């Protein structure tokens, strides 16, 4: 296998890994948003229950 073929293959693999990383980052951000929303809802429910 030539050096050029090896480098092109590695560049392709790097692009695939970068795309997978972006997908993971997007999913992590969405999970953090959901977690924050839930945390806010729990806080609001606690406040409402304490007022009863």
N, C-alpha and C. Protein backbone atom coordinates (compact mmCIF):
# COMPACT_ATOMS: atom_id res chain seq x y z
N UNK A 1 0.86 -1.19 0.00
CA UNK A 1 0.00 0.00 0.00
C UNK A 1 0.90 1.24 0.00
N UNK A 2 0.58 2.17 -0.85
CA UNK A 2 1.41 3.38 -0.95
C UNK A 2 1.10 4.33 0.20
N UNK A 3 2.04 5.20 0.44
CA UNK A 3 1.87 6.21 1.50
C UNK A 3 0.66 7.08 1.21
N UNK A 4 0.48 7.43 -0.06
CA UNK A 4 -0.66 8.28 -0.44
C UNK A 4 -1.99 7.59 -0.10
N UNK A 5 -2.09 6.32 -0.39
CA UNK A 5 -3.32 5.57 -0.09
C UNK A 5 -3.55 5.52 1.42
N UNK A 6 -2.47 5.31 2.16
CA UNK A 6 -2.58 5.26 3.63
C UNK A 6 -3.07 6.59 4.17
N UNK A 7 -2.47 7.68 3.70
CA UNK A 7 -2.84 9.02 4.18
C UNK A 7 -4.29 9.34 3.81
N UNK A 8 -4.69 9.02 2.59
CA UNK A 8 -6.08 9.30 2.17
C UNK A 8 -7.06 8.50 3.03
N UNK A 9 -6.71 7.25 3.32
CA UNK A 9 -7.57 6.43 4.17
C UNK A 9 -7.68 7.00 5.57
N UNK A 10 -6.56 7.47 6.10
CA UNK A 10 -6.56 8.05 7.44
C UNK A 10 -7.36 9.35 7.47
N UNK A 11 -7.23 10.16 6.42
CA UNK A 11 -8.00 11.41 6.36
C UNK A 11 -9.50 11.13 6.34
N UNK A 12 -9.87 10.09 5.60
CA UNK A 12 -11.28 9.72 5.53
C UNK A 12 -11.77 9.26 6.90
N UNK A 13 -10.94 8.47 7.58
CA UNK A 13 -11.31 7.99 8.92
C UNK A 13 -11.43 9.15 9.90
N UNK A 14 -10.53 10.11 9.80
CA UNK A 14 -10.58 11.30 10.68
C UNK A 14 -11.89 12.05 10.45
N UNK A 15 -12.29 12.23 9.19
CA UNK A 15 -13.55 12.93 8.90
C UNK A 15 -14.75 12.18 9.50
N UNK A 16 -14.73 10.85 9.39
CA UNK A 16 -15.82 10.06 9.97
C UNK A 16 -15.85 10.20 11.49
N UNK A 17 -14.68 10.19 12.11
CA UNK A 17 -14.61 10.34 13.57
C UNK A 17 -15.08 11.73 14.00
N UNK A 18 -14.71 12.75 13.22
CA UNK A 18 -15.15 14.11 13.55
C UNK A 18 -16.67 14.22 13.44
N UNK A 19 -17.25 13.60 12.43
CA UNK A 19 -18.71 13.63 12.27
C UNK A 19 -19.39 12.91 13.43
N UNK A 20 -18.85 11.77 13.83
CA UNK A 20 -19.41 11.03 14.96
C UNK A 20 -19.30 11.85 16.24
N UNK A 21 -18.18 12.55 16.40
CA UNK A 21 -17.97 13.39 17.58
C UNK A 21 -19.00 14.52 17.62
N UNK A 22 -19.26 15.13 16.46
CA UNK A 22 -20.27 16.21 16.42
C UNK A 22 -21.65 15.67 16.79
N UNK A 23 -21.98 14.46 16.32
CA UNK A 23 -23.27 13.87 16.68
C UNK A 23 -23.35 13.62 18.18
N UNK A 24 -22.26 13.12 18.76
CA UNK A 24 -22.24 12.88 20.21
C UNK A 24 -22.38 14.19 20.98
N UNK A 25 -21.67 15.22 20.53
CA UNK A 25 -21.75 16.52 21.21
C UNK A 25 -23.18 17.07 21.16
N UNK A 26 -23.84 16.92 20.02
CA UNK A 26 -25.22 17.38 19.88
C UNK A 26 -26.12 16.63 20.86
N UNK A 27 -25.92 15.31 20.96
CA UNK A 27 -26.74 14.51 21.87
C UNK A 27 -26.49 14.91 23.33
N UNK A 28 -25.24 15.14 23.69
CA UNK A 28 -24.90 15.55 25.05
C UNK A 28 -25.57 16.88 25.38
N UNK A 29 -25.52 17.84 24.46
CA UNK A 29 -26.16 19.13 24.69
C UNK A 29 -27.66 18.97 24.90
N UNK A 30 -28.29 18.12 24.10
CA UNK A 30 -29.73 17.89 24.24
C UNK A 30 -30.05 17.26 25.59
N UNK A 31 -29.23 16.29 26.01
CA UNK A 31 -29.45 15.66 27.31
C UNK A 31 -29.26 16.66 28.45
N UNK A 32 -28.29 17.56 28.31
CA UNK A 32 -28.08 18.59 29.33
C UNK A 32 -29.28 19.54 29.40
N UNK A 33 -29.84 19.88 28.23
CA UNK A 33 -31.03 20.74 28.22
C UNK A 33 -32.20 20.05 28.92
N UNK A 34 -32.40 18.77 28.61
CA UNK A 34 -33.49 18.01 29.23
C UNK A 34 -33.28 17.94 30.74
N UNK A 35 -32.04 17.67 31.16
CA UNK A 35 -31.73 17.58 32.59
C UNK A 35 -32.00 18.91 33.29
N UNK A 36 -31.62 20.01 32.64
CA UNK A 36 -31.85 21.33 33.24
C UNK A 36 -33.35 21.60 33.37
N UNK A 37 -34.11 21.24 32.32
CA UNK A 37 -35.55 21.43 32.35
C UNK A 37 -36.18 20.65 33.51
N UNK A 38 -35.77 19.39 33.66
CA UNK A 38 -36.29 18.56 34.75
C UNK A 38 -35.93 19.12 36.11
N UNK A 39 -34.70 19.57 36.23
CA UNK A 39 -34.24 20.14 37.49
C UNK A 39 -35.08 21.37 37.85
N UNK A 40 -35.35 22.20 36.85
CA UNK A 40 -36.18 23.39 37.07
C UNK A 40 -37.59 22.98 37.49
N UNK A 41 -38.15 21.97 36.82
CA UNK A 41 -39.50 21.50 37.17
C UNK A 41 -39.54 20.97 38.59
N UNK A 42 -38.53 20.21 38.99
CA UNK A 42 -38.48 19.66 40.36
C UNK A 42 -38.41 20.80 41.37
N UNK A 43 -37.60 21.81 41.09
CA UNK A 43 -37.49 22.96 41.99
C UNK A 43 -38.84 23.66 42.14
N UNK A 44 -39.52 23.84 41.01
CA UNK A 44 -40.83 24.50 41.05
C UNK A 44 -41.84 23.67 41.84
N UNK A 45 -41.81 22.35 41.66
CA UNK A 45 -42.72 21.48 42.40
C UNK A 45 -42.43 21.52 43.90
N UNK A 46 -41.15 21.51 44.26
CA UNK A 46 -40.79 21.60 45.69
C UNK A 46 -41.31 22.89 46.29
N UNK A 47 -41.11 23.98 45.57
CA UNK A 47 -41.58 25.28 46.05
C UNK A 47 -43.09 25.27 46.23
N UNK A 48 -43.80 24.70 45.26
CA UNK A 48 -45.26 24.63 45.34
C UNK A 48 -45.70 23.77 46.51
N UNK A 49 -45.03 22.65 46.74
CA UNK A 49 -45.40 21.76 47.84
C UNK A 49 -45.11 22.41 49.20
N UNK A 50 -44.05 23.16 49.29
CA UNK A 50 -43.72 23.83 50.55
C UNK A 50 -44.75 24.90 50.89
N UNK A 51 -45.37 25.45 49.87
CA UNK A 51 -46.37 26.49 50.09
C UNK A 51 -47.72 25.95 50.53
N UNK A 52 -47.88 24.63 50.52
CA UNK A 52 -49.19 24.05 50.90
C UNK A 52 -49.33 23.95 52.40
